[in-house]
Amino acid sequence: MPDVRHEPRQNRFAASVDGGTAELEYQRAEDVLIFVHTFVPEASRGQNVGEALVEAALDHVRENDLRMVPQCPFVKHYVEEHPDTRDLVAR
């Protein structure tokens, strides 16, 4: 698994992977992170890099008592497949 880092100045979670940088971009609105886009370089696709980004981001949300909006289709699908993360979705 890649080492995912939070880069708050860039509003993203990122990991250095084959082919460049994988990232999960977000916008922040008070105590809510709105996940807007996930990108994984082609050379690293199919290696669970996207999942690692989402898991790190959701861990950050949970640990910091935040909520999130899964606007990005990849994050939305992850939440649908992992019911234990649905409590993090902003209502």
N, C-alpha and C. Protein backbone atom coordinates (compact mmCIF):
# COMPACT_ATOMS: atom_id res chain seq x y z
N MET A 1 0.83 -1.18 0.00
CA MET A 1 0.00 0.00 0.00
C MET A 1 0.88 1.25 0.00
N PRO A 2 0.45 2.26 -0.71
CA PRO A 2 1.23 3.49 -0.73
C PRO A 2 1.11 4.25 0.60
N ASP A 3 2.09 5.08 0.85
CA ASP A 3 2.08 5.94 2.03
C ASP A 3 1.27 7.19 1.68
N VAL A 4 0.06 7.28 2.22
CA VAL A 4 -0.83 8.40 1.92
C VAL A 4 -0.56 9.53 2.92
N ARG A 5 -0.45 10.73 2.39
CA ARG A 5 -0.22 11.90 3.25
C ARG A 5 -1.34 12.91 3.02
N HIS A 6 -1.66 13.62 4.08
CA HIS A 6 -2.64 14.69 3.99
C HIS A 6 -1.89 15.97 3.67
N GLU A 7 -2.33 16.67 2.65
CA GLU A 7 -1.73 17.93 2.24
C GLU A 7 -2.81 19.00 2.30
N PRO A 8 -3.07 19.54 3.49
CA PRO A 8 -4.20 20.48 3.65
C PRO A 8 -4.05 21.76 2.84
N ARG A 9 -2.85 22.22 2.60
CA ARG A 9 -2.68 23.44 1.79
C ARG A 9 -3.12 23.24 0.34
N GLN A 10 -3.03 21.99 -0.12
CA GLN A 10 -3.47 21.66 -1.48
C GLN A 10 -4.87 21.05 -1.49
N ASN A 11 -5.49 20.93 -0.31
CA ASN A 11 -6.82 20.32 -0.19
C ASN A 11 -6.85 18.93 -0.84
N ARG A 12 -5.92 18.09 -0.39
CA ARG A 12 -5.89 16.75 -0.97
C ARG A 12 -5.20 15.76 -0.03
N PHE A 13 -5.46 14.50 -0.32
CA PHE A 13 -4.71 13.38 0.23
C PHE A 13 -3.93 12.85 -0.96
N ALA A 14 -2.65 12.55 -0.77
CA ALA A 14 -1.81 12.19 -1.91
C ALA A 14 -0.87 11.06 -1.55
N ALA A 15 -0.41 10.37 -2.60
CA ALA A 15 0.56 9.30 -2.44
C ALA A 15 1.44 9.26 -3.67
N SER A 16 2.72 9.09 -3.46
CA SER A 16 3.65 8.91 -4.57
C SER A 16 3.57 7.46 -5.02
N VAL A 17 3.29 7.26 -6.30
CA VAL A 17 3.11 5.91 -6.84
C VAL A 17 3.79 5.84 -8.21
N ASP A 18 3.85 4.63 -8.77
CA ASP A 18 4.37 4.49 -10.13
C ASP A 18 3.55 5.37 -11.05
N GLY A 19 4.22 6.18 -11.84
CA GLY A 19 3.53 7.04 -12.79
C GLY A 19 3.27 8.44 -12.28
N GLY A 20 3.59 8.73 -11.00
CA GLY A 20 3.38 10.09 -10.49
C GLY A 20 2.73 10.13 -9.13
N THR A 21 1.78 11.03 -8.98
CA THR A 21 1.10 11.23 -7.70
C THR A 21 -0.37 10.88 -7.83
N ALA A 22 -0.84 10.02 -6.94
CA ALA A 22 -2.27 9.73 -6.85
C ALA A 22 -2.84 10.71 -5.84
N GLU A 23 -4.09 11.16 -6.08
CA GLU A 23 -4.64 12.13 -5.16
C GLU A 23 -6.16 12.03 -5.05
N LEU A 24 -6.62 12.42 -3.88
CA LEU A 24 -8.04 12.58 -3.61
C LEU A 24 -8.21 14.03 -3.20
N GLU A 25 -8.84 14.81 -4.06
CA GLU A 25 -9.03 16.24 -3.82
C GLU A 25 -10.32 16.48 -3.06
N TYR A 26 -10.30 17.52 -2.24
CA TYR A 26 -11.50 17.88 -1.50
C TYR A 26 -11.64 19.39 -1.38
N GLN A 27 -12.85 19.81 -1.03
CA GLN A 27 -13.12 21.18 -0.65
C GLN A 27 -13.59 21.11 0.79
N ARG A 28 -13.28 22.16 1.56
CA ARG A 28 -13.68 22.15 2.96
C ARG A 28 -14.72 23.24 3.19
N ALA A 29 -15.78 22.87 3.88
CA ALA A 29 -16.82 23.81 4.28
C ALA A 29 -17.07 23.58 5.77
N GLU A 30 -16.46 24.41 6.60
CA GLU A 30 -16.51 24.29 8.06
C GLU A 30 -16.04 22.91 8.48
N ASP A 31 -16.92 22.08 9.04
CA ASP A 31 -16.50 20.76 9.52
C ASP A 31 -16.85 19.64 8.55
N VAL A 32 -16.96 19.97 7.26
CA VAL A 32 -17.30 18.99 6.23
C VAL A 32 -16.24 19.01 5.13
N LEU A 33 -15.77 17.81 4.77
CA LEU A 33 -14.90 17.67 3.61
C LEU A 33 -15.75 17.14 2.46
N ILE A 34 -15.71 17.84 1.36
CA ILE A 34 -16.45 17.45 0.16
C ILE A 34 -15.43 16.84 -0.80
N PHE A 35 -15.49 15.52 -0.95
CA PHE A 35 -14.54 14.83 -1.81
C PHE A 35 -14.99 14.97 -3.26
N VAL A 36 -14.17 15.64 -4.07
CA VAL A 36 -14.59 16.01 -5.42
C VAL A 36 -13.93 15.23 -6.55
N HIS A 37 -12.72 14.70 -6.32
CA HIS A 37 -12.05 14.02 -7.43
C HIS A 37 -10.96 13.09 -6.92
N THR A 38 -10.93 11.89 -7.50
CA THR A 38 -9.86 10.93 -7.21
C THR A 38 -9.12 10.66 -8.52
N PHE A 39 -7.80 10.70 -8.43
CA PHE A 39 -6.98 10.41 -9.61
C PHE A 39 -5.86 9.46 -9.22
N VAL A 40 -5.69 8.41 -10.03
CA VAL A 40 -4.58 7.48 -9.89
C VAL A 40 -3.90 7.35 -11.25
N PRO A 41 -2.59 7.59 -11.32
CA PRO A 41 -1.90 7.44 -12.61
C PRO A 41 -2.13 6.04 -13.20
N GLU A 42 -2.21 6.00 -14.50
CA GLU A 42 -2.52 4.74 -15.18
C GLU A 42 -1.60 3.60 -14.76
N ALA A 43 -0.32 3.87 -14.54
CA ALA A 43 0.64 2.82 -14.17
C ALA A 43 0.33 2.18 -12.83
N SER A 44 -0.48 2.83 -12.01
CA SER A 44 -0.78 2.31 -10.68
C SER A 44 -2.23 1.90 -10.50
N ARG A 45 -3.00 1.96 -11.54
CA ARG A 45 -4.42 1.57 -11.44
C ARG A 45 -4.54 0.07 -11.23
N GLY A 46 -5.58 -0.32 -10.53
CA GLY A 46 -5.81 -1.73 -10.27
C GLY A 46 -4.97 -2.28 -9.13
N GLN A 47 -4.34 -1.40 -8.36
CA GLN A 47 -3.48 -1.83 -7.25
C GLN A 47 -3.99 -1.32 -5.90
N ASN A 48 -5.27 -0.97 -5.83
CA ASN A 48 -5.92 -0.50 -4.61
C ASN A 48 -5.38 0.84 -4.11
N VAL A 49 -4.79 1.62 -4.99
CA VAL A 49 -4.28 2.93 -4.60
C VAL A 49 -5.44 3.87 -4.27
N GLY A 50 -6.46 3.87 -5.10
CA GLY A 50 -7.63 4.71 -4.85
C GLY A 50 -8.28 4.38 -3.51
N GLU A 51 -8.39 3.10 -3.23
CA GLU A 51 -8.97 2.67 -1.96
C GLU A 51 -8.13 3.17 -0.79
N ALA A 52 -6.80 3.11 -0.93
CA ALA A 52 -5.91 3.58 0.13
C ALA A 52 -6.11 5.08 0.38
N LEU A 53 -6.28 5.85 -0.69
CA LEU A 53 -6.54 7.28 -0.54
C LEU A 53 -7.84 7.52 0.22
N VAL A 54 -8.89 6.82 -0.19
CA VAL A 54 -10.19 7.00 0.45
C VAL A 54 -10.14 6.57 1.91
N GLU A 55 -9.51 5.45 2.20
CA GLU A 55 -9.43 4.99 3.59
C GLU A 55 -8.68 5.99 4.47
N ALA A 56 -7.58 6.54 3.96
CA ALA A 56 -6.84 7.54 4.74
C ALA A 56 -7.69 8.78 4.96
N ALA A 57 -8.40 9.21 3.93
CA ALA A 57 -9.24 10.40 4.04
C ALA A 57 -10.38 10.17 5.04
N LEU A 58 -11.00 9.00 4.99
CA LEU A 58 -12.10 8.72 5.91
C LEU A 58 -11.59 8.55 7.34
N ASP A 59 -10.40 8.00 7.50
CA ASP A 59 -9.79 7.93 8.83
C ASP A 59 -9.59 9.34 9.38
N HIS A 60 -9.13 10.26 8.52
CA HIS A 60 -8.93 11.65 8.93
C HIS A 60 -10.27 12.28 9.34
N VAL A 61 -11.29 12.03 8.57
CA VAL A 61 -12.62 12.56 8.89
C VAL A 61 -13.06 12.06 10.26
N ARG A 62 -12.95 10.76 10.47
CA ARG A 62 -13.39 10.16 11.74
C ARG A 62 -12.55 10.68 12.92
N GLU A 63 -11.25 10.70 12.76
CA GLU A 63 -10.35 11.10 13.85
C GLU A 63 -10.50 12.57 14.24
N ASN A 64 -10.98 13.39 13.31
CA ASN A 64 -11.10 14.83 13.57
C ASN A 64 -12.55 15.28 13.76
N ASP A 65 -13.44 14.30 13.98
CA ASP A 65 -14.85 14.58 14.24
C ASP A 65 -15.45 15.48 13.15
N LEU A 66 -15.15 15.12 11.90
CA LEU A 66 -15.67 15.85 10.75
C LEU A 66 -16.77 15.02 10.09
N ARG A 67 -17.37 15.54 9.06
CA ARG A 67 -18.31 14.82 8.21
C ARG A 67 -17.82 14.99 6.78
N MET A 68 -18.40 14.22 5.87
CA MET A 68 -17.95 14.30 4.48
C MET A 68 -19.13 14.16 3.54
N VAL A 69 -18.89 14.66 2.31
CA VAL A 69 -19.84 14.52 1.22
C VAL A 69 -19.10 13.80 0.09
N PRO A 70 -19.56 12.61 -0.29
CA PRO A 70 -18.89 11.84 -1.34
C PRO A 70 -19.36 12.26 -2.73
N GLN A 71 -18.95 13.43 -3.17
CA GLN A 71 -19.35 13.94 -4.48
C GLN A 71 -18.65 13.16 -5.61
N CYS A 72 -17.42 12.78 -5.40
CA CYS A 72 -16.65 12.01 -6.38
C CYS A 72 -17.28 10.61 -6.54
N PRO A 73 -17.52 10.16 -7.77
CA PRO A 73 -18.12 8.84 -7.97
C PRO A 73 -17.33 7.70 -7.33
N PHE A 74 -16.00 7.79 -7.34
CA PHE A 74 -15.18 6.73 -6.74
C PHE A 74 -15.42 6.66 -5.23
N VAL A 75 -15.44 7.81 -4.57
CA VAL A 75 -15.69 7.83 -3.12
C VAL A 75 -17.12 7.38 -2.82
N LYS A 76 -18.06 7.83 -3.63
CA LYS A 76 -19.46 7.43 -3.45
C LYS A 76 -19.60 5.91 -3.52
N HIS A 77 -18.94 5.31 -4.51
CA HIS A 77 -18.98 3.85 -4.65
C HIS A 77 -18.33 3.17 -3.44
N TYR A 78 -17.22 3.70 -2.97
CA TYR A 78 -16.55 3.13 -1.80
C TYR A 78 -17.49 3.13 -0.60
N VAL A 79 -18.17 4.24 -0.37
CA VAL A 79 -19.09 4.34 0.77
C VAL A 79 -20.25 3.35 0.61
N GLU A 80 -20.76 3.20 -0.60
CA GLU A 80 -21.84 2.23 -0.85
C GLU A 80 -21.39 0.81 -0.54
N GLU A 81 -20.13 0.50 -0.83
CA GLU A 81 -19.60 -0.84 -0.62
C GLU A 81 -19.13 -1.08 0.82
N HIS A 82 -18.99 -0.01 1.61
CA HIS A 82 -18.51 -0.12 2.99
C HIS A 82 -19.49 0.58 3.93
N PRO A 83 -20.55 -0.13 4.31
CA PRO A 83 -21.60 0.47 5.14
C PRO A 83 -21.09 1.08 6.45
N ASP A 84 -19.96 0.59 6.94
CA ASP A 84 -19.42 1.10 8.20
C ASP A 84 -18.89 2.54 8.07
N THR A 85 -18.86 3.07 6.85
CA THR A 85 -18.41 4.45 6.65
C THR A 85 -19.57 5.42 6.47
N ARG A 86 -20.78 4.93 6.37
CA ARG A 86 -21.93 5.79 6.08
C ARG A 86 -22.24 6.78 7.19
N ASP A 87 -21.81 6.49 8.40
CA ASP A 87 -22.06 7.43 9.50
C ASP A 87 -21.26 8.73 9.33
N LEU A 88 -20.29 8.74 8.44
CA LEU A 88 -19.46 9.92 8.21
C LEU A 88 -20.09 10.89 7.20
N VAL A 89 -21.11 10.43 6.49
CA VAL A 89 -21.74 11.26 5.47
C VAL A 89 -22.57 12.37 6.12
N ALA A 90 -22.34 13.60 5.66
CA ALA A 90 -23.08 14.75 6.19
C ALA A 90 -24.54 14.64 5.79
N ARG A 91 -25.41 14.96 6.71
CA ARG A 91 -26.86 14.89 6.45
C ARG A 91 -27.41 16.25 6.13
